[in-house]
Amino acid sequence: DIVELGLIYECRLDKQDDGSRRASVQMTLTAPGCGMGDFLVNDVRSKLLEVPTVEDAEVELTFDPPWTREMMSETAQLALGMF
């Protein structure tokens, strides 16, 4: 789960004038050269568009601040044997 891994930095829903919502997510990857970047960004965007009333979704990839394993939840760290 990308939330448990600490890859989501910000998630915002903004109500539009027509009653629909616009979702904005700022996320990162575990490493800048990760080959999964485009896949994850597109997957997050498609999942956001499945939420009722979300008509537009923007997913921004950032590396500031850089991801560290301390950003992972305790549950994820335990699951991956990082404790």
C-alpha atoms as a PDB file:
ATOM      1  CA  ASP A   1       0.000   0.000   0.000  1.00  0.00           C
ATOM      2  CA  ILE A   2       1.583   3.266  -1.112  1.00  0.00           C
ATOM      3  CA  VAL A   3       0.116   5.144   1.853  1.00  0.00           C
ATOM      4  CA  GLU A   4       1.688   2.706   4.343  1.00  0.00           C
ATOM      5  CA  LEU A   5       4.992   3.016   2.469  1.00  0.00           C
ATOM      6  CA  GLY A   6       4.920   6.777   3.021  1.00  0.00           C
ATOM      7  CA  LEU A   7       4.787   7.636  -0.681  1.00  0.00           C
ATOM      8  CA  ILE A   8       1.811  10.016  -0.402  1.00  0.00           C
ATOM      9  CA  TYR A   9       2.853  13.465   0.773  1.00  0.00           C
ATOM     10  CA  GLU A  10      -0.440  15.308   0.260  1.00  0.00           C
ATOM     11  CA  CYS A  11      -3.991  14.536  -0.839  1.00  0.00           C
ATOM     12  CA  ARG A  12      -6.567  17.247  -1.360  1.00  0.00           C
ATOM     13  CA  LEU A  13     -10.173  17.331  -2.603  1.00  0.00           C
ATOM     14  CA  ASP A  14     -11.500  20.630  -3.898  1.00  0.00           C
ATOM     15  CA  LYS A  15     -15.193  21.179  -4.609  1.00  0.00           C
ATOM     16  CA  GLN A  16     -15.891  22.676  -8.025  1.00  0.00           C
ATOM     17  CA  ASP A  17     -18.710  25.111  -8.862  1.00  0.00           C
ATOM     18  CA  ASP A  18     -20.719  22.326 -10.532  1.00  0.00           C
ATOM     19  CA  GLY A  19     -20.605  20.162  -7.377  1.00  0.00           C
ATOM     20  CA  SER A  20     -17.939  17.793  -8.666  1.00  0.00           C
ATOM     21  CA  ARG A  21     -14.605  17.430  -6.950  1.00  0.00           C
ATOM     22  CA  ARG A  22     -11.009  17.758  -8.110  1.00  0.00           C
ATOM     23  CA  ALA A  23      -8.478  15.496  -6.428  1.00  0.00           C
ATOM     24  CA  SER A  24      -4.852  16.541  -6.128  1.00  0.00           C
ATOM     25  CA  VAL A  25      -2.147  14.201  -4.862  1.00  0.00           C
ATOM     26  CA  GLN A  26       1.520  14.873  -4.320  1.00  0.00           C
ATOM     27  CA  MET A  27       3.554  11.694  -4.070  1.00  0.00           C
ATOM     28  CA  THR A  28       7.061  10.354  -4.323  1.00  0.00           C
ATOM     29  CA  LEU A  29       8.901   7.145  -5.106  1.00  0.00           C
ATOM     30  CA  THR A  30      11.382   5.232  -2.975  1.00  0.00           C
ATOM     31  CA  ALA A  31      14.131   6.266  -5.426  1.00  0.00           C
ATOM     32  CA  PRO A  32      14.245   8.837  -8.262  1.00  0.00           C
ATOM     33  CA  GLY A  33      15.236   6.176 -10.797  1.00  0.00           C
ATOM     34  CA  CYS A  34      12.396   3.812  -9.904  1.00  0.00           C
ATOM     35  CA  GLY A  35      10.955   2.378 -13.091  1.00  0.00           C
ATOM     36  CA  MET A  36       7.471   2.183 -11.554  1.00  0.00           C
ATOM     37  CA  GLY A  37       6.953   5.968 -11.522  1.00  0.00           C
ATOM     38  CA  ASP A  38       4.688   6.316 -14.566  1.00  0.00           C
ATOM     39  CA  PHE A  39       2.740   3.191 -13.624  1.00  0.00           C
ATOM     40  CA  LEU A  40       2.119   4.395 -10.053  1.00  0.00           C
ATOM     41  CA  VAL A  41       1.145   7.930 -11.104  1.00  0.00           C
ATOM     42  CA  ASN A  42      -1.325   6.584 -13.676  1.00  0.00           C
ATOM     43  CA  ASP A  43      -2.688   4.014 -11.215  1.00  0.00           C
ATOM     44  CA  VAL A  44      -3.252   6.641  -8.501  1.00  0.00           C
ATOM     45  CA  ARG A  45      -4.949   8.950 -11.023  1.00  0.00           C
ATOM     46  CA  SER A  46      -7.259   6.182 -12.250  1.00  0.00           C
ATOM     47  CA  LYS A  47      -8.191   5.168  -8.688  1.00  0.00           C
ATOM     48  CA  LEU A  48      -8.996   8.784  -7.810  1.00  0.00           C
ATOM     49  CA  LEU A  49     -11.301   9.046 -10.816  1.00  0.00           C
ATOM     50  CA  GLU A  50     -13.248   6.017  -9.524  1.00  0.00           C
ATOM     51  CA  VAL A  51     -14.290   7.989  -6.421  1.00  0.00           C
ATOM     52  CA  PRO A  52     -17.878   9.236  -6.811  1.00  0.00           C
ATOM     53  CA  THR A  53     -18.073  12.968  -7.665  1.00  0.00           C
ATOM     54  CA  VAL A  54     -14.340  13.177  -8.539  1.00  0.00           C
ATOM     55  CA  GLU A  55     -14.303  14.446 -12.118  1.00  0.00           C
ATOM     56  CA  ASP A  56     -10.663  15.559 -12.350  1.00  0.00           C
ATOM     57  CA  ALA A  57      -7.487  14.201 -10.785  1.00  0.00           C
ATOM     58  CA  GLU A  58      -3.957  15.552 -10.753  1.00  0.00           C
ATOM     59  CA  VAL A  59      -1.031  13.489  -9.475  1.00  0.00           C
ATOM     60  CA  GLU A  60       2.291  15.243  -9.044  1.00  0.00           C
ATOM     61  CA  LEU A  61       5.500  13.307  -8.566  1.00  0.00           C
ATOM     62  CA  THR A  62       8.081  15.004  -6.341  1.00  0.00           C
ATOM     63  CA  PHE A  63      11.364  14.079  -4.721  1.00  0.00           C
ATOM     64  CA  ASP A  64      11.439  16.929  -2.219  1.00  0.00           C
ATOM     65  CA  PRO A  65      11.742  15.874   0.506  1.00  0.00           C
ATOM     66  CA  PRO A  66      13.495  12.669  -0.498  1.00  0.00           C
ATOM     67  CA  TRP A  67      11.773   9.495   0.683  1.00  0.00           C
ATOM     68  CA  THR A  68      13.342   7.609   3.585  1.00  0.00           C
ATOM     69  CA  ARG A  69      12.250   4.381   5.177  1.00  0.00           C
ATOM     70  CA  GLU A  70      11.311   6.316   8.328  1.00  0.00           C
ATOM     71  CA  MET A  71       8.326   7.613   6.328  1.00  0.00           C
ATOM     72  CA  MET A  72       6.868   4.111   6.318  1.00  0.00           C
ATOM     73  CA  SER A  73       4.208   3.243   8.839  1.00  0.00           C
ATOM     74  CA  GLU A  74       5.159   0.935  11.682  1.00  0.00           C
ATOM     75  CA  THR A  75       2.893  -1.706  10.146  1.00  0.00           C
ATOM     76  CA  ALA A  76       4.756  -1.561   6.816  1.00  0.00           C
ATOM     77  CA  GLN A  77       8.132  -1.680   8.544  1.00  0.00           C
ATOM     78  CA  LEU A  78       7.072  -4.739  10.511  1.00  0.00           C
ATOM     79  CA  ALA A  79       5.691  -6.446   7.389  1.00  0.00           C
ATOM     80  CA  LEU A  80       8.959  -5.873   5.539  1.00  0.00           C
ATOM     81  CA  GLY A  81      11.127  -6.890   8.503  1.00  0.00           C
ATOM     82  CA  MET A  82      12.671  -3.439   8.900  1.00  0.00           C
ATOM     83  CA  PHE A  83      12.473  -3.316  12.693  1.00  0.00           C
END
